[in-house]
Amino acid sequence: MSIAILPPEGGFAGPVKRSVTIAGHQTSISLEPGFWTALEAASARRALPLSALVAAIDAVRIGEDDPPNLASAIRSWLLVEVKAHD
């Protein structure tokens, strides 16, 4: 049995690295373009700068027993966020 799958609009894309300032220092985060778009939309909905939203996600991530890397935490958070706004 074959399942038909279509690529995402614009095709598949690898991660894009961007610098974000968190707590006064710059860090690089690599996310796929779709995740950057979703993160920008989430920050706009909250009327927060992107860096403030990333810092908030980072603070929650650090509080976990076995924290994932920041990019993974952002992706995980965004999956829940996008579901909540569907």
PDB file of N, CA and C in Angstrom:
ATOM      1  N   MET A   1       0.846  -1.183   0.000  1.00  0.00           N
ATOM      2  CA  MET A   1       0.000   0.000   0.000  1.00  0.00           C
ATOM      3  C   MET A   1       0.889   1.244   0.000  1.00  0.00           C
ATOM      4  N   SER A   2       0.620   2.135  -0.884  1.00  0.00           N
ATOM      5  CA  SER A   2       1.410   3.360  -1.001  1.00  0.00           C
ATOM      6  C   SER A   2       0.611   4.539  -0.445  1.00  0.00           C
ATOM      7  N   ILE A   3       1.296   5.363   0.326  1.00  0.00           N
ATOM      8  CA  ILE A   3       0.659   6.552   0.889  1.00  0.00           C
ATOM      9  C   ILE A   3       1.212   7.766   0.154  1.00  0.00           C
ATOM     10  N   ALA A   4       0.328   8.582  -0.387  1.00  0.00           N
ATOM     11  CA  ALA A   4       0.762   9.777  -1.112  1.00  0.00           C
ATOM     12  C   ALA A   4       1.056  10.897  -0.125  1.00  0.00           C
ATOM     13  N   ILE A   5       2.256  11.397  -0.195  1.00  0.00           N
ATOM     14  CA  ILE A   5       2.661  12.511   0.660  1.00  0.00           C
ATOM     15  C   ILE A   5       3.131  13.642  -0.241  1.00  0.00           C
ATOM     16  N   LEU A   6       2.759  14.830   0.095  1.00  0.00           N
ATOM     17  CA  LEU A   6       3.211  15.993  -0.654  1.00  0.00           C
ATOM     18  C   LEU A   6       4.251  16.743   0.174  1.00  0.00           C
ATOM     19  N   PRO A   7       5.230  17.344  -0.479  1.00  0.00           N
ATOM     20  CA  PRO A   7       6.194  18.141   0.274  1.00  0.00           C
ATOM     21  C   PRO A   7       5.515  19.401   0.810  1.00  0.00           C
ATOM     22  N   PRO A   8       6.081  20.000   1.836  1.00  0.00           N
ATOM     23  CA  PRO A   8       5.517  21.257   2.340  1.00  0.00           C
ATOM     24  C   PRO A   8       5.601  22.339   1.262  1.00  0.00           C
ATOM     25  N   GLU A   9       4.741  23.314   1.369  1.00  0.00           N
ATOM     26  CA  GLU A   9       4.776  24.436   0.426  1.00  0.00           C
ATOM     27  C   GLU A   9       6.180  25.043   0.423  1.00  0.00           C
ATOM     28  N   GLY A  10       6.764  25.199  -0.727  1.00  0.00           N
ATOM     29  CA  GLY A  10       8.118  25.719  -0.820  1.00  0.00           C
ATOM     30  C   GLY A  10       9.178  24.627  -0.751  1.00  0.00           C
ATOM     31  N   GLY A  11       8.760  23.389  -0.517  1.00  0.00           N
ATOM     32  CA  GLY A  11       9.696  22.273  -0.459  1.00  0.00           C
ATOM     33  C   GLY A  11      10.283  22.068   0.930  1.00  0.00           C
ATOM     34  N   PHE A  12      11.065  21.018   1.038  1.00  0.00           N
ATOM     35  CA  PHE A  12      11.732  20.720   2.299  1.00  0.00           C
ATOM     36  C   PHE A  12      12.930  21.653   2.447  1.00  0.00           C
ATOM     37  N   ALA A  13      13.225  22.046   3.659  1.00  0.00           N
ATOM     38  CA  ALA A  13      14.337  22.970   3.886  1.00  0.00           C
ATOM     39  C   ALA A  13      15.075  22.572   5.155  1.00  0.00           C
ATOM     40  N   GLY A  14      16.365  22.689   5.099  1.00  0.00           N
ATOM     41  CA  GLY A  14      17.190  22.405   6.266  1.00  0.00           C
ATOM     42  C   GLY A  14      17.189  23.580   7.233  1.00  0.00           C
ATOM     43  N   PRO A  15      17.843  23.397   8.370  1.00  0.00           N
ATOM     44  CA  PRO A  15      17.874  24.434   9.392  1.00  0.00           C
ATOM     45  C   PRO A  15      18.583  25.700   8.936  1.00  0.00           C
ATOM     46  N   VAL A  16      18.115  26.810   9.492  1.00  0.00           N
ATOM     47  CA  VAL A  16      18.712  28.121   9.274  1.00  0.00           C
ATOM     48  C   VAL A  16      19.200  28.602  10.629  1.00  0.00           C
ATOM     49  N   LYS A  17      20.460  29.011  10.692  1.00  0.00           N
ATOM     50  CA  LYS A  17      21.037  29.470  11.962  1.00  0.00           C
ATOM     51  C   LYS A  17      20.817  30.974  12.101  1.00  0.00           C
ATOM     52  N   ARG A  18      20.312  31.374  13.267  1.00  0.00           N
ATOM     53  CA  ARG A  18      20.132  32.799  13.589  1.00  0.00           C
ATOM     54  C   ARG A  18      20.675  33.057  14.980  1.00  0.00           C
ATOM     55  N   SER A  19      21.120  34.273  15.208  1.00  0.00           N
ATOM     56  CA  SER A  19      21.593  34.670  16.532  1.00  0.00           C
ATOM     57  C   SER A  19      20.471  35.357  17.283  1.00  0.00           C
ATOM     58  N   VAL A  20      20.341  35.014  18.551  1.00  0.00           N
ATOM     59  CA  VAL A  20      19.330  35.594  19.426  1.00  0.00           C
ATOM     60  C   VAL A  20      20.021  35.980  20.726  1.00  0.00           C
ATOM     61  N   THR A  21      19.667  37.122  21.275  1.00  0.00           N
ATOM     62  CA  THR A  21      20.231  37.553  22.548  1.00  0.00           C
ATOM     63  C   THR A  21      19.330  37.087  23.686  1.00  0.00           C
ATOM     64  N   ILE A  22      19.926  36.321  24.594  1.00  0.00           N
ATOM     65  CA  ILE A  22      19.212  35.821  25.779  1.00  0.00           C
ATOM     66  C   ILE A  22      20.022  36.227  26.997  1.00  0.00           C
ATOM     67  N   ALA A  23      19.375  36.910  27.932  1.00  0.00           N
ATOM     68  CA  ALA A  23      20.032  37.335  29.174  1.00  0.00           C
ATOM     69  C   ALA A  23      21.343  38.066  28.894  1.00  0.00           C
ATOM     70  N   GLY A  24      21.328  38.909  27.877  1.00  0.00           N
ATOM     71  CA  GLY A  24      22.490  39.742  27.592  1.00  0.00           C
ATOM     72  C   GLY A  24      23.595  39.094  26.791  1.00  0.00           C
ATOM     73  N   HIS A  25      23.443  37.832  26.403  1.00  0.00           N
ATOM     74  CA  HIS A  25      24.479  37.220  25.569  1.00  0.00           C
ATOM     75  C   HIS A  25      23.852  36.586  24.324  1.00  0.00           C
ATOM     76  N   GLN A  26      24.602  36.592  23.234  1.00  0.00           N
ATOM     77  CA  GLN A  26      24.100  36.033  21.995  1.00  0.00           C
ATOM     78  C   GLN A  26      24.306  34.527  21.953  1.00  0.00           C
ATOM     79  N   THR A  27      23.308  33.850  21.400  1.00  0.00           N
ATOM     80  CA  THR A  27      23.413  32.423  21.173  1.00  0.00           C
ATOM     81  C   THR A  27      22.876  32.129  19.780  1.00  0.00           C
ATOM     82  N   SER A  28      23.401  31.127  19.147  1.00  0.00           N
ATOM     83  CA  SER A  28      22.932  30.727  17.823  1.00  0.00           C
ATOM     84  C   SER A  28      21.940  29.587  17.959  1.00  0.00           C
ATOM     85  N   ILE A  29      20.875  29.689  17.201  1.00  0.00           N
ATOM     86  CA  ILE A  29      19.846  28.654  17.196  1.00  0.00           C
ATOM     87  C   ILE A  29      19.609  28.252  15.751  1.00  0.00           C
ATOM     88  N   SER A  30      19.586  26.949  15.488  1.00  0.00           N
ATOM     89  CA  SER A  30      19.304  26.433  14.148  1.00  0.00           C
ATOM     90  C   SER A  30      17.918  25.801  14.137  1.00  0.00           C
ATOM     91  N   LEU A  31      17.038  26.391  13.345  1.00  0.00           N
ATOM     92  CA  LEU A  31      15.677  25.867  13.170  1.00  0.00           C
ATOM     93  C   LEU A  31      15.328  25.901  11.691  1.00  0.00           C
ATOM     94  N   GLU A  32      14.463  25.014  11.279  1.00  0.00           N
ATOM     95  CA  GLU A  32      13.971  25.026   9.924  1.00  0.00           C
ATOM     96  C   GLU A  32      13.119  26.282   9.726  1.00  0.00           C
ATOM     97  N   PRO A  33      13.050  26.797   8.479  1.00  0.00           N
ATOM     98  CA  PRO A  33      12.307  28.039   8.228  1.00  0.00           C
ATOM     99  C   PRO A  33      10.870  28.023   8.752  1.00  0.00           C
ATOM    100  N   GLY A  34      10.187  26.897   8.642  1.00  0.00           N
ATOM    101  CA  GLY A  34       8.816  26.828   9.149  1.00  0.00           C
ATOM    102  C   GLY A  34       8.727  27.044  10.648  1.00  0.00           C
ATOM    103  N   PHE A  35       9.724  26.566  11.379  1.00  0.00           N
ATOM    104  CA  PHE A  35       9.752  26.792  12.825  1.00  0.00           C
ATOM    105  C   PHE A  35      10.048  28.255  13.139  1.00  0.00           C
ATOM    106  N   TRP A  36      10.939  28.883  12.359  1.00  0.00           N
ATOM    107  CA  TRP A  36      11.190  30.315  12.570  1.00  0.00           C
ATOM    108  C   TRP A  36       9.911  31.117  12.340  1.00  0.00           C
ATOM    109  N   THR A  37       9.175  30.773  11.284  1.00  0.00           N
ATOM    110  CA  THR A  37       7.917  31.474  10.981  1.00  0.00           C
ATOM    111  C   THR A  37       6.916  31.295  12.117  1.00  0.00           C
ATOM    112  N   ALA A  38       6.780  30.069  12.609  1.00  0.00           N
ATOM    113  CA  ALA A  38       5.845  29.797  13.710  1.00  0.00           C
ATOM    114  C   ALA A  38       6.272  30.518  14.983  1.00  0.00           C
ATOM    115  N   LEU A  39       7.577  30.573  15.240  1.00  0.00           N
ATOM    116  CA  LEU A  39       8.082  31.258  16.431  1.00  0.00           C
ATOM    117  C   LEU A  39       7.832  32.764  16.336  1.00  0.00           C
ATOM    118  N   GLU A  40       8.042  33.332  15.162  1.00  0.00           N
ATOM    119  CA  GLU A  40       7.764  34.761  14.957  1.00  0.00           C
ATOM    120  C   GLU A  40       6.278  35.055  15.145  1.00  0.00           C
ATOM    121  N   ALA A  41       5.409  34.174  14.641  1.00  0.00           N
ATOM    122  CA  ALA A  41       3.963  34.361  14.812  1.00  0.00           C
ATOM    123  C   ALA A  41       3.573  34.277  16.284  1.00  0.00           C
ATOM    124  N   ALA A  42       4.168  33.336  17.007  1.00  0.00           N
ATOM    125  CA  ALA A  42       3.867  33.195  18.437  1.00  0.00           C
ATOM    126  C   ALA A  42       4.321  34.427  19.209  1.00  0.00           C
ATOM    127  N   SER A  43       5.473  34.968  18.864  1.00  0.00           N
ATOM    128  CA  SER A  43       5.941  36.167  19.566  1.00  0.00           C
ATOM    129  C   SER A  43       5.044  37.363  19.232  1.00  0.00           C
ATOM    130  N   ALA A  44       4.576  37.447  18.000  1.00  0.00           N
ATOM    131  CA  ALA A  44       3.665  38.535  17.616  1.00  0.00           C
ATOM    132  C   ALA A  44       2.335  38.425  18.360  1.00  0.00           C
ATOM    133  N   ARG A  45       1.797  37.199  18.488  1.00  0.00           N
ATOM    134  CA  ARG A  45       0.540  37.006  19.229  1.00  0.00           C
ATOM    135  C   ARG A  45       0.663  37.462  20.674  1.00  0.00           C
ATOM    136  N   ARG A  46       1.846  37.310  21.243  1.00  0.00           N
ATOM    137  CA  ARG A  46       2.082  37.696  22.633  1.00  0.00           C
ATOM    138  C   ARG A  46       2.610  39.122  22.758  1.00  0.00           C
ATOM    139  N   ALA A  47       2.790  39.796  21.638  1.00  0.00           N
ATOM    140  CA  ALA A  47       3.357  41.151  21.613  1.00  0.00           C
ATOM    141  C   ALA A  47       4.702  41.191  22.340  1.00  0.00           C
ATOM    142  N   LEU A  48       5.519  40.156  22.073  1.00  0.00           N
ATOM    143  CA  LEU A  48       6.851  40.051  22.668  1.00  0.00           C
ATOM    144  C   LEU A  48       7.900  40.071  21.572  1.00  0.00           C
ATOM    145  N   PRO A  49       9.068  40.631  21.861  1.00  0.00           N
ATOM    146  CA  PRO A  49      10.168  40.446  20.932  1.00  0.00           C
ATOM    147  C   PRO A  49      10.521  38.959  20.859  1.00  0.00           C
ATOM    148  N   LEU A  50      10.995  38.542  19.717  1.00  0.00           N
ATOM    149  CA  LEU A  50      11.383  37.141  19.529  1.00  0.00           C
ATOM    150  C   LEU A  50      12.359  36.694  20.611  1.00  0.00           C
ATOM    151  N   SER A  51      13.333  37.535  20.923  1.00  0.00           N
ATOM    152  CA  SER A  51      14.335  37.171  21.926  1.00  0.00           C
ATOM    153  C   SER A  51      13.706  36.951  23.306  1.00  0.00           C
ATOM    154  N   ALA A  52      12.660  37.711  23.637  1.00  0.00           N
ATOM    155  CA  ALA A  52      11.997  37.534  24.935  1.00  0.00           C
ATOM    156  C   ALA A  52      11.258  36.200  24.995  1.00  0.00           C
ATOM    157  N   LEU A  53      10.613  35.816  23.895  1.00  0.00           N
ATOM    158  CA  LEU A  53       9.924  34.533  23.871  1.00  0.00           C
ATOM    159  C   LEU A  53      10.935  33.385  23.962  1.00  0.00           C
ATOM    160  N   VAL A  54      12.022  33.488  23.218  1.00  0.00           N
ATOM    161  CA  VAL A  54      13.061  32.454  23.280  1.00  0.00           C
ATOM    162  C   VAL A  54      13.635  32.366  24.692  1.00  0.00           C
ATOM    163  N   ALA A  55      13.848  33.506  25.342  1.00  0.00           N
ATOM    164  CA  ALA A  55      14.368  33.513  26.713  1.00  0.00           C
ATOM    165  C   ALA A  55      13.387  32.827  27.671  1.00  0.00           C
ATOM    166  N   ALA A  56      12.094  33.049  27.461  1.00  0.00           N
ATOM    167  CA  ALA A  56      11.089  32.414  28.325  1.00  0.00           C
ATOM    168  C   ALA A  56      11.084  30.901  28.128  1.00  0.00           C
ATOM    169  N   ILE A  57      11.173  30.460  26.873  1.00  0.00           N
ATOM    170  CA  ILE A  57      11.232  29.019  26.595  1.00  0.00           C
ATOM    171  C   ILE A  57      12.502  28.441  27.214  1.00  0.00           C
ATOM    172  N   ASP A  58      13.608  29.165  27.088  1.00  0.00           N
ATOM    173  CA  ASP A  58      14.884  28.721  27.641  1.00  0.00           C
ATOM    174  C   ASP A  58      14.806  28.575  29.156  1.00  0.00           C
ATOM    175  N   ALA A  59      14.165  29.522  29.821  1.00  0.00           N
ATOM    176  CA  ALA A  59      14.049  29.469  31.285  1.00  0.00           C
ATOM    177  C   ALA A  59      13.263  28.242  31.735  1.00  0.00           C
ATOM    178  N   VAL A  60      12.186  27.911  31.021  1.00  0.00           N
ATOM    179  CA  VAL A  60      11.392  26.729  31.360  1.00  0.00           C
ATOM    180  C   VAL A  60      12.205  25.469  31.088  1.00  0.00           C
ATOM    181  N   ARG A  61      12.925  25.459  29.962  1.00  0.00           N
ATOM    182  CA  ARG A  61      13.750  24.308  29.571  1.00  0.00           C
ATOM    183  C   ARG A  61      14.803  24.013  30.627  1.00  0.00           C
ATOM    184  N   ILE A  62      15.475  25.038  31.111  1.00  0.00           N
ATOM    185  CA  ILE A  62      16.555  24.874  32.086  1.00  0.00           C
ATOM    186  C   ILE A  62      16.029  24.292  33.397  1.00  0.00           C
ATOM    187  N   GLY A  63      14.761  24.550  33.708  1.00  0.00           N
ATOM    188  CA  GLY A  63      14.176  24.055  34.941  1.00  0.00           C
ATOM    189  C   GLY A  63      13.847  22.567  34.935  1.00  0.00           C
ATOM    190  N   GLU A  64      13.983  21.912  33.789  1.00  0.00           N
ATOM    191  CA  GLU A  64      13.671  20.485  33.713  1.00  0.00           C
ATOM    192  C   GLU A  64      14.829  19.648  34.235  1.00  0.00           C
ATOM    193  N   ASP A  65      14.513  18.413  34.634  1.00  0.00           N
ATOM    194  CA  ASP A  65      15.538  17.509  35.164  1.00  0.00           C
ATOM    195  C   ASP A  65      16.626  17.196  34.146  1.00  0.00           C
ATOM    196  N   ASP A  66      16.222  16.899  32.935  1.00  0.00           N
ATOM    197  CA  ASP A  66      17.172  16.554  31.883  1.00  0.00           C
ATOM    198  C   ASP A  66      16.850  17.428  30.667  1.00  0.00           C
ATOM    199  N   PRO A  67      17.248  18.712  30.701  1.00  0.00           N
ATOM    200  CA  PRO A  67      16.815  19.639  29.655  1.00  0.00           C
ATOM    201  C   PRO A  67      17.371  19.291  28.274  1.00  0.00           C
ATOM    202  N   PRO A  68      16.503  19.398  27.258  1.00  0.00           N
ATOM    203  CA  PRO A  68      16.967  19.203  25.889  1.00  0.00           C
ATOM    204  C   PRO A  68      17.741  20.440  25.443  1.00  0.00           C
ATOM    205  N   ASN A  69      18.347  20.385  24.259  1.00  0.00           N
ATOM    206  CA  ASN A  69      18.992  21.602  23.762  1.00  0.00           C
ATOM    207  C   ASN A  69      17.907  22.626  23.432  1.00  0.00           C
ATOM    208  N   LEU A  70      18.305  23.866  23.290  1.00  0.00           N
ATOM    209  CA  LEU A  70      17.342  24.952  23.111  1.00  0.00           C
ATOM    210  C   LEU A  70      16.513  24.784  21.841  1.00  0.00           C
ATOM    211  N   ALA A  71      17.133  24.409  20.735  1.00  0.00           N
ATOM    212  CA  ALA A  71      16.382  24.236  19.489  1.00  0.00           C
ATOM    213  C   ALA A  71      15.305  23.163  19.646  1.00  0.00           C
ATOM    214  N   SER A  72      15.627  22.062  20.300  1.00  0.00           N
ATOM    215  CA  SER A  72      14.636  21.003  20.527  1.00  0.00           C
ATOM    216  C   SER A  72      13.507  21.494  21.427  1.00  0.00           C
ATOM    217  N   ALA A  73      13.852  22.262  22.444  1.00  0.00           N
ATOM    218  CA  ALA A  73      12.831  22.808  23.340  1.00  0.00           C
ATOM    219  C   ALA A  73      11.890  23.745  22.580  1.00  0.00           C
ATOM    220  N   ILE A  74      12.450  24.566  21.709  1.00  0.00           N
ATOM    221  CA  ILE A  74      11.626  25.485  20.915  1.00  0.00           C
ATOM    222  C   ILE A  74      10.691  24.692  20.003  1.00  0.00           C
ATOM    223  N   ARG A  75      11.215  23.702  19.303  1.00  0.00           N
ATOM    224  CA  ARG A  75      10.375  22.884  18.411  1.00  0.00           C
ATOM    225  C   ARG A  75       9.243  22.206  19.190  1.00  0.00           C
ATOM    226  N   SER A  76       9.573  21.626  20.343  1.00  0.00           N
ATOM    227  CA  SER A  76       8.560  20.950  21.163  1.00  0.00           C
ATOM    228  C   SER A  76       7.492  21.928  21.633  1.00  0.00           C
ATOM    229  N   TRP A  77       7.930  23.097  22.079  1.00  0.00           N
ATOM    230  CA  TRP A  77       6.991  24.119  22.547  1.00  0.00           C
ATOM    231  C   TRP A  77       6.086  24.566  21.407  1.00  0.00           C
ATOM    232  N   LEU A  78       6.675  24.752  20.225  1.00  0.00           N
ATOM    233  CA  LEU A  78       5.897  25.208  19.079  1.00  0.00           C
ATOM    234  C   LEU A  78       4.843  24.193  18.640  1.00  0.00           C
ATOM    235  N   LEU A  79       5.137  22.897  18.751  1.00  0.00           N
ATOM    236  CA  LEU A  79       4.136  21.896  18.385  1.00  0.00           C
ATOM    237  C   LEU A  79       2.875  22.047  19.237  1.00  0.00           C
ATOM    238  N   VAL A  80       3.066  22.259  20.516  1.00  0.00           N
ATOM    239  CA  VAL A  80       1.940  22.457  21.433  1.00  0.00           C
ATOM    240  C   VAL A  80       1.243  23.784  21.127  1.00  0.00           C
ATOM    241  N   GLU A  81       2.038  24.821  20.899  1.00  0.00           N
ATOM    242  CA  GLU A  81       1.506  26.160  20.614  1.00  0.00           C
ATOM    243  C   GLU A  81       0.667  26.175  19.339  1.00  0.00           C
ATOM    244  N   VAL A  82       1.171  25.565  18.288  1.00  0.00           N
ATOM    245  CA  VAL A  82       0.439  25.547  17.017  1.00  0.00           C
ATOM    246  C   VAL A  82      -0.859  24.770  17.159  1.00  0.00           C
ATOM    247  N   LYS A  83      -0.812  23.647  17.881  1.00  0.00           N
ATOM    248  CA  LYS A  83      -2.024  22.854  18.130  1.00  0.00           C
ATOM    249  C   LYS A  83      -3.080  23.679  18.846  1.00  0.00           C
ATOM    250  N   ALA A  84      -2.636  24.471  19.809  1.00  0.00           N
ATOM    251  CA  ALA A  84      -3.562  25.286  20.606  1.00  0.00           C
ATOM    252  C   ALA A  84      -4.223  26.374  19.773  1.00  0.00           C
ATOM    253  N   HIS A  85      -3.599  26.779  18.674  1.00  0.00           N
ATOM    254  CA  HIS A  85      -4.147  27.863  17.855  1.00  0.00           C
ATOM    255  C   HIS A  85      -4.703  27.379  16.515  1.00  0.00           C
ATOM    256  N   ASP A  86      -4.921  26.082  16.384  1.00  0.00           N
ATOM    257  CA  ASP A  86      -5.547  25.535  15.163  1.00  0.00           C
ATOM    258  C   ASP A  86      -7.042  25.709  15.195  1.00  0.00           C
TER     259      ASP A  86
END
